[in-house]
Amino acid sequence: MLRLARNLSQVELSDMTASSLSSIRRLESHGQGTLLLLVRVAQALQVAYQFEPFLILPSARIADMERDAALTARRRAGKTRPRRTIA
């Protein structure tokens, strides 16, 4: 655990994040907490940079987006022709 590796107690971490001790305990023991708490803990432990791949949208070129849109565009079905009947 990063908190222990940094030699921080749960009380110290709760002070650093302006969160309650019970919130820190719940996050550590059950993985339950708000996104804000998770970000504050990551910032306090200096690992917030690890969230960047999840937060940065990949850049796309307009030509690529137009090509993808053309490939997924809906097309109308052709007209059905009446069947010939053999008498």
C-alpha atoms as a PDB file:
ATOM      1  CA  MET A   1       0.000   0.000   0.000  1.00  0.00           C
ATOM      2  CA  LEU A   2       1.281   3.443  -0.911  1.00  0.00           C
ATOM      3  CA  ARG A   3       0.162   5.016   2.336  1.00  0.00           C
ATOM      4  CA  LEU A   4       2.192   2.533   4.346  1.00  0.00           C
ATOM      5  CA  ALA A   5       5.160   2.818   1.989  1.00  0.00           C
ATOM      6  CA  ARG A   6       5.128   6.565   2.645  1.00  0.00           C
ATOM      7  CA  ASN A   7       4.908   5.863   6.381  1.00  0.00           C
ATOM      8  CA  LEU A   8       1.588   7.713   6.745  1.00  0.00           C
ATOM      9  CA  SER A   9      -1.144   6.824   9.172  1.00  0.00           C
ATOM     10  CA  GLN A  10      -4.801   6.875   8.169  1.00  0.00           C
ATOM     11  CA  VAL A  11      -5.256   9.924  10.393  1.00  0.00           C
ATOM     12  CA  GLU A  12      -2.438  11.773   8.610  1.00  0.00           C
ATOM     13  CA  LEU A  13      -3.890  10.871   5.209  1.00  0.00           C
ATOM     14  CA  SER A  14      -7.345  12.045   6.258  1.00  0.00           C
ATOM     15  CA  ASP A  15      -5.825  15.366   7.371  1.00  0.00           C
ATOM     16  CA  MET A  16      -3.918  15.711   4.096  1.00  0.00           C
ATOM     17  CA  THR A  17      -7.076  15.102   2.047  1.00  0.00           C
ATOM     18  CA  ALA A  18      -9.475  17.082   4.257  1.00  0.00           C
ATOM     19  CA  SER A  19     -11.556  13.909   4.544  1.00  0.00           C
ATOM     20  CA  SER A  20     -12.910  11.988   7.470  1.00  0.00           C
ATOM     21  CA  LEU A  21     -11.023   9.089   8.971  1.00  0.00           C
ATOM     22  CA  SER A  22     -13.996   6.814   8.316  1.00  0.00           C
ATOM     23  CA  SER A  23     -13.883   7.727   4.600  1.00  0.00           C
ATOM     24  CA  ILE A  24     -10.221   6.761   4.404  1.00  0.00           C
ATOM     25  CA  ARG A  25     -10.890   3.509   6.247  1.00  0.00           C
ATOM     26  CA  ARG A  26     -13.855   2.668   3.995  1.00  0.00           C
ATOM     27  CA  LEU A  27     -11.778   3.405   0.886  1.00  0.00           C
ATOM     28  CA  GLU A  28      -8.934   1.177   2.044  1.00  0.00           C
ATOM     29  CA  SER A  29     -10.979  -1.697   3.416  1.00  0.00           C
ATOM     30  CA  HIS A  30     -13.880  -1.899   0.955  1.00  0.00           C
ATOM     31  CA  GLY A  31     -12.789   0.237  -1.993  1.00  0.00           C
ATOM     32  CA  GLN A  32     -15.811   2.466  -1.449  1.00  0.00           C
ATOM     33  CA  GLY A  33     -15.585   6.222  -1.714  1.00  0.00           C
ATOM     34  CA  THR A  34     -16.286   9.149  -3.934  1.00  0.00           C
ATOM     35  CA  LEU A  35     -14.281  10.060  -6.993  1.00  0.00           C
ATOM     36  CA  LEU A  36     -13.322  13.285  -5.236  1.00  0.00           C
ATOM     37  CA  LEU A  37     -11.875  11.319  -2.313  1.00  0.00           C
ATOM     38  CA  LEU A  38      -9.936   9.065  -4.668  1.00  0.00           C
ATOM     39  CA  VAL A  39      -8.471  12.083  -6.467  1.00  0.00           C
ATOM     40  CA  ARG A  40      -7.549  13.769  -3.183  1.00  0.00           C
ATOM     41  CA  VAL A  41      -5.824  10.611  -1.939  1.00  0.00           C
ATOM     42  CA  ALA A  42      -3.963  10.235  -5.251  1.00  0.00           C
ATOM     43  CA  GLN A  43      -2.837  13.859  -5.034  1.00  0.00           C
ATOM     44  CA  ALA A  44      -1.743  13.470  -1.412  1.00  0.00           C
ATOM     45  CA  LEU A  45       0.253  10.353  -2.320  1.00  0.00           C
ATOM     46  CA  GLN A  46       1.620  12.081  -5.443  1.00  0.00           C
ATOM     47  CA  VAL A  47       0.298   9.514  -7.900  1.00  0.00           C
ATOM     48  CA  ALA A  48      -2.453  11.570  -9.580  1.00  0.00           C
ATOM     49  CA  TYR A  49      -0.474  11.530 -12.848  1.00  0.00           C
ATOM     50  CA  GLN A  50      -1.409   7.849 -13.206  1.00  0.00           C
ATOM     51  CA  PHE A  51      -5.006   8.890 -13.948  1.00  0.00           C
ATOM     52  CA  GLU A  52      -4.011  10.778 -17.106  1.00  0.00           C
ATOM     53  CA  PRO A  53      -4.534   7.888 -19.553  1.00  0.00           C
ATOM     54  CA  PHE A  54      -8.141   7.655 -18.378  1.00  0.00           C
ATOM     55  CA  LEU A  55      -8.829  11.382 -18.588  1.00  0.00           C
ATOM     56  CA  ILE A  56      -7.197  12.478 -21.844  1.00  0.00           C
ATOM     57  CA  LEU A  57      -9.238  11.904 -24.957  1.00  0.00           C
ATOM     58  CA  PRO A  58      -7.320  10.649 -27.962  1.00  0.00           C
ATOM     59  CA  SER A  59      -7.022  13.204 -30.713  1.00  0.00           C
ATOM     60  CA  ALA A  60      -8.587  12.370 -34.039  1.00  0.00           C
ATOM     61  CA  ARG A  61      -8.304  13.884 -37.466  1.00  0.00           C
ATOM     62  CA  ILE A  62     -11.438  15.166 -39.154  1.00  0.00           C
ATOM     63  CA  ALA A  63     -10.776  12.933 -42.168  1.00  0.00           C
ATOM     64  CA  ASP A  64     -10.709   9.863 -39.915  1.00  0.00           C
ATOM     65  CA  MET A  65     -13.970  10.867 -38.223  1.00  0.00           C
ATOM     66  CA  GLU A  66     -15.674  11.455 -41.601  1.00  0.00           C
ATOM     67  CA  ARG A  67     -14.482   8.073 -42.863  1.00  0.00           C
ATOM     68  CA  ASP A  68     -15.776   6.324 -39.746  1.00  0.00           C
ATOM     69  CA  ALA A  69     -19.108   8.120 -40.034  1.00  0.00           C
ATOM     70  CA  ALA A  70     -19.430   7.087 -43.680  1.00  0.00           C
ATOM     71  CA  LEU A  71     -18.745   3.463 -42.816  1.00  0.00           C
ATOM     72  CA  THR A  72     -21.392   3.398 -40.106  1.00  0.00           C
ATOM     73  CA  ALA A  73     -23.982   5.527 -41.919  1.00  0.00           C
ATOM     74  CA  ARG A  74     -27.390   3.944 -42.273  1.00  0.00           C
ATOM     75  CA  ARG A  75     -28.517   3.237 -45.796  1.00  0.00           C
ATOM     76  CA  ARG A  76     -32.013   2.771 -47.104  1.00  0.00           C
ATOM     77  CA  ALA A  77     -33.008  -0.590 -48.380  1.00  0.00           C
ATOM     78  CA  GLY A  78     -33.591  -0.797 -52.108  1.00  0.00           C
ATOM     79  CA  LYS A  79     -37.107  -0.912 -53.522  1.00  0.00           C
ATOM     80  CA  THR A  80     -38.583  -4.355 -53.716  1.00  0.00           C
ATOM     81  CA  ARG A  81     -39.694  -5.448 -57.137  1.00  0.00           C
ATOM     82  CA  PRO A  82     -42.887  -7.368 -57.596  1.00  0.00           C
ATOM     83  CA  ARG A  83     -42.351 -11.049 -58.249  1.00  0.00           C
ATOM     84  CA  ARG A  84     -43.327 -12.543 -61.530  1.00  0.00           C
ATOM     85  CA  THR A  85     -45.959 -15.156 -61.347  1.00  0.00           C
ATOM     86  CA  ILE A  86     -45.886 -18.068 -63.728  1.00  0.00           C
ATOM     87  CA  ALA A  87     -49.315 -18.921 -64.934  1.00  0.00           C
END
